Amino acid sequence: QVQLVESGGGTVESGGSLKISCVVSGRVIAGLDMGWYRQITGGERELVASITVGGSANYRGSAKGRFAITRDNAKNTVYLQMNNLKPEDTAVYYCNADPYWYIGTWGLGTHVTVSS
């Protein structure tokens, strides 16, 4: 059974930084492109950053220039460093494969709140 466990979220002031982590068990991620998704209350879950098997990163929208996605295949873990956080980054953050159906199940996510 595949499990994804996100952690590291919290409350920070606008302009602050957070690094969130996602440990995957039950599936080796080395052969998967991975991504970080977020869901704002009342909104749809959206992909904000992805990293290929080879380590190339891609970012969507406002994540460009502020977020950095990395992976540690030895630890089966994916990270997201978020800098210069803004109130509109407030959301629940999830990791999964990119596209997500390559793993299919979701974790509980980690809450990030940015105060103005």
C-alpha atoms as a PDB file:
ATOM      1  CA  GLN A   1       0.000   0.000   0.000  1.00  0.00           C
ATOM      2  CA  VAL A   2       1.413   3.349  -1.054  1.00  0.00           C
ATOM      3  CA  GLN A   3       1.524   6.099   1.546  1.00  0.00           C
ATOM      4  CA  LEU A   4       2.577   9.721   1.149  1.00  0.00           C
ATOM      5  CA  VAL A   5       3.298  11.688   4.305  1.00  0.00           C
ATOM      6  CA  GLU A   6       3.764  15.433   3.975  1.00  0.00           C
ATOM      7  CA  SER A   7       5.224  17.498   6.808  1.00  0.00           C
ATOM      8  CA  GLY A   8       6.861  20.791   7.641  1.00  0.00           C
ATOM      9  CA  GLY A   9       3.968  23.167   7.150  1.00  0.00           C
ATOM     10  CA  GLY A  10       3.079  25.902   9.587  1.00  0.00           C
ATOM     11  CA  THR A  11       2.294  29.576   9.952  1.00  0.00           C
ATOM     12  CA  VAL A  12       4.760  32.193   8.754  1.00  0.00           C
ATOM     13  CA  GLU A  13       4.651  35.895   8.126  1.00  0.00           C
ATOM     14  CA  SER A  14       4.568  37.310   4.639  1.00  0.00           C
ATOM     15  CA  GLY A  15       8.094  37.228   3.202  1.00  0.00           C
ATOM     16  CA  GLY A  16       9.096  34.243   5.293  1.00  0.00           C
ATOM     17  CA  SER A  17      10.291  30.788   4.240  1.00  0.00           C
ATOM     18  CA  LEU A  18       9.309  27.180   4.825  1.00  0.00           C
ATOM     19  CA  LYS A  19      10.663  23.852   3.655  1.00  0.00           C
ATOM     20  CA  ILE A  20       8.152  21.044   3.404  1.00  0.00           C
ATOM     21  CA  SER A  21       8.888  17.359   2.937  1.00  0.00           C
ATOM     22  CA  CYS A  22       7.106  14.314   1.581  1.00  0.00           C
ATOM     23  CA  VAL A  23       8.129  10.764   2.407  1.00  0.00           C
ATOM     24  CA  VAL A  24       6.751   8.064   0.144  1.00  0.00           C
ATOM     25  CA  SER A  25       6.465   4.457   1.254  1.00  0.00           C
ATOM     26  CA  GLY A  26       5.283   1.432  -0.674  1.00  0.00           C
ATOM     27  CA  ARG A  27       6.523   2.744  -4.021  1.00  0.00           C
ATOM     28  CA  VAL A  28      10.010   3.635  -5.208  1.00  0.00           C
ATOM     29  CA  ILE A  29       9.961   7.169  -6.581  1.00  0.00           C
ATOM     30  CA  ALA A  30      13.271   7.012  -8.454  1.00  0.00           C
ATOM     31  CA  GLY A  31      11.488   6.143 -11.690  1.00  0.00           C
ATOM     32  CA  LEU A  32       8.748   8.752 -11.327  1.00  0.00           C
ATOM     33  CA  ASP A  33       8.488  12.432 -12.078  1.00  0.00           C
ATOM     34  CA  MET A  34       7.227  13.944  -8.828  1.00  0.00           C
ATOM     35  CA  GLY A  35       5.271  17.070  -8.026  1.00  0.00           C
ATOM     36  CA  TRP A  36       3.998  19.324  -5.309  1.00  0.00           C
ATOM     37  CA  TYR A  37       0.357  20.312  -5.505  1.00  0.00           C
ATOM     38  CA  ARG A  38      -1.659  22.733  -3.442  1.00  0.00           C
ATOM     39  CA  GLN A  39      -5.302  23.298  -2.706  1.00  0.00           C
ATOM     40  CA  ILE A  40      -6.690  26.579  -1.509  1.00  0.00           C
ATOM     41  CA  THR A  41      -9.890  26.377   0.531  1.00  0.00           C
ATOM     42  CA  GLY A  42     -12.774  26.068  -1.890  1.00  0.00           C
ATOM     43  CA  GLY A  43     -10.467  25.633  -4.853  1.00  0.00           C
ATOM     44  CA  GLU A  44      -9.140  22.805  -6.970  1.00  0.00           C
ATOM     45  CA  ARG A  45      -5.887  21.029  -6.354  1.00  0.00           C
ATOM     46  CA  GLU A  46      -3.219  22.410  -8.678  1.00  0.00           C
ATOM     47  CA  LEU A  47       0.327  21.477  -9.542  1.00  0.00           C
ATOM     48  CA  VAL A  48       2.825  24.133  -8.481  1.00  0.00           C
ATOM     49  CA  ALA A  49       6.177  22.435  -9.007  1.00  0.00           C
ATOM     50  CA  SER A  50       7.494  19.243 -10.523  1.00  0.00           C
ATOM     51  CA  ILE A  51      10.823  17.465 -10.826  1.00  0.00           C
ATOM     52  CA  THR A  52      11.739  14.903 -13.421  1.00  0.00           C
ATOM     53  CA  VAL A  53      13.502  11.602 -12.883  1.00  0.00           C
ATOM     54  CA  GLY A  54      16.647  13.338 -14.081  1.00  0.00           C
ATOM     55  CA  GLY A  55      16.277  16.197 -11.613  1.00  0.00           C
ATOM     56  CA  SER A  56      14.980  18.952 -13.884  1.00  0.00           C
ATOM     57  CA  ALA A  57      12.536  21.232 -12.115  1.00  0.00           C
ATOM     58  CA  ASN A  58       9.519  23.073 -13.495  1.00  0.00           C
ATOM     59  CA  TYR A  59       7.331  25.646 -11.795  1.00  0.00           C
ATOM     60  CA  ARG A  60       3.876  27.036 -12.419  1.00  0.00           C
ATOM     61  CA  GLY A  61       2.684  30.602 -12.042  1.00  0.00           C
ATOM     62  CA  SER A  62       3.770  32.511  -8.970  1.00  0.00           C
ATOM     63  CA  ALA A  63       5.978  29.658  -7.755  1.00  0.00           C
ATOM     64  CA  LYS A  64       8.594  30.611 -10.336  1.00  0.00           C
ATOM     65  CA  GLY A  65      11.569  32.306  -8.743  1.00  0.00           C
ATOM     66  CA  ARG A  66      10.350  31.644  -5.188  1.00  0.00           C
ATOM     67  CA  PHE A  67       9.984  27.872  -4.801  1.00  0.00           C
ATOM     68  CA  ALA A  68      12.573  25.121  -5.281  1.00  0.00           C
ATOM     69  CA  ILE A  69      11.680  21.444  -5.583  1.00  0.00           C
ATOM     70  CA  THR A  70      14.278  18.782  -4.888  1.00  0.00           C
ATOM     71  CA  ARG A  71      14.315  15.047  -4.405  1.00  0.00           C
ATOM     72  CA  ASP A  72      16.360  12.492  -2.504  1.00  0.00           C
ATOM     73  CA  ASN A  73      15.732   9.114  -4.099  1.00  0.00           C
ATOM     74  CA  ALA A  74      17.780   7.331  -1.446  1.00  0.00           C
ATOM     75  CA  LYS A  75      15.284   8.574   1.144  1.00  0.00           C
ATOM     76  CA  ASN A  76      12.276   8.274  -1.180  1.00  0.00           C
ATOM     77  CA  THR A  77      11.565  11.883  -0.286  1.00  0.00           C
ATOM     78  CA  VAL A  78      10.629  15.052  -2.132  1.00  0.00           C
ATOM     79  CA  TYR A  79      11.110  18.575  -0.751  1.00  0.00           C
ATOM     80  CA  LEU A  80       9.757  22.025  -1.519  1.00  0.00           C
ATOM     81  CA  GLN A  81      11.661  25.086  -0.344  1.00  0.00           C
ATOM     82  CA  MET A  82       9.343  28.082  -0.363  1.00  0.00           C
ATOM     83  CA  ASN A  83      10.789  31.582  -0.063  1.00  0.00           C
ATOM     84  CA  ASN A  84       9.248  35.050  -0.018  1.00  0.00           C
ATOM     85  CA  LEU A  85       5.914  33.533   0.921  1.00  0.00           C
ATOM     86  CA  LYS A  86       2.765  35.531   0.263  1.00  0.00           C
ATOM     87  CA  PRO A  87      -0.728  35.292   1.803  1.00  0.00           C
ATOM     88  CA  GLU A  88      -1.998  33.816  -1.461  1.00  0.00           C
ATOM     89  CA  ASP A  89       0.327  30.829  -0.897  1.00  0.00           C
ATOM     90  CA  THR A  90      -1.885  29.806   2.020  1.00  0.00           C
ATOM     91  CA  ALA A  91      -3.106  26.304   1.166  1.00  0.00           C
ATOM     92  CA  VAL A  92      -2.786  22.617   1.909  1.00  0.00           C
ATOM     93  CA  TYR A  93       0.252  21.224   0.096  1.00  0.00           C
ATOM     94  CA  TYR A  94       0.399  17.660  -1.208  1.00  0.00           C
ATOM     95  CA  CYS A  95       3.010  15.678  -3.060  1.00  0.00           C
ATOM     96  CA  ASN A  96       2.361  13.016  -5.649  1.00  0.00           C
ATOM     97  CA  ALA A  97       3.655  11.725  -8.920  1.00  0.00           C
ATOM     98  CA  ASP A  98       3.357  13.946 -11.988  1.00  0.00           C
ATOM     99  CA  PRO A  99       0.837  13.118 -13.304  1.00  0.00           C
ATOM    100  CA  TYR A 100      -0.719  12.170  -9.973  1.00  0.00           C
ATOM    101  CA  TRP A 101      -2.479   9.045 -11.249  1.00  0.00           C
ATOM    102  CA  TYR A 102       0.873   7.273 -11.552  1.00  0.00           C
ATOM    103  CA  ILE A 103       0.606   6.829  -7.778  1.00  0.00           C
ATOM    104  CA  GLY A 104      -3.100   7.572  -7.428  1.00  0.00           C
ATOM    105  CA  THR A 105      -3.525   7.850  -3.685  1.00  0.00           C
ATOM    106  CA  TRP A 106      -3.087  11.097  -1.773  1.00  0.00           C
ATOM    107  CA  GLY A 107      -1.655  11.885   1.630  1.00  0.00           C
ATOM    108  CA  LEU A 108      -3.222  14.188   4.189  1.00  0.00           C
ATOM    109  CA  GLY A 109      -1.150  17.152   3.069  1.00  0.00           C
ATOM    110  CA  THR A 110       0.560  19.791   5.150  1.00  0.00           C
ATOM    111  CA  HIS A 111      -1.031  23.142   5.956  1.00  0.00           C
ATOM    112  CA  VAL A 112       0.804  26.342   5.096  1.00  0.00           C
ATOM    113  CA  THR A 113      -0.578  29.633   6.377  1.00  0.00           C
ATOM    114  CA  VAL A 114       1.003  32.943   5.452  1.00  0.00           C
ATOM    115  CA  SER A 115      -0.078  35.929   7.478  1.00  0.00           C
ATOM    116  CA  SER A 116       0.026  39.443   6.088  1.00  0.00           C
END
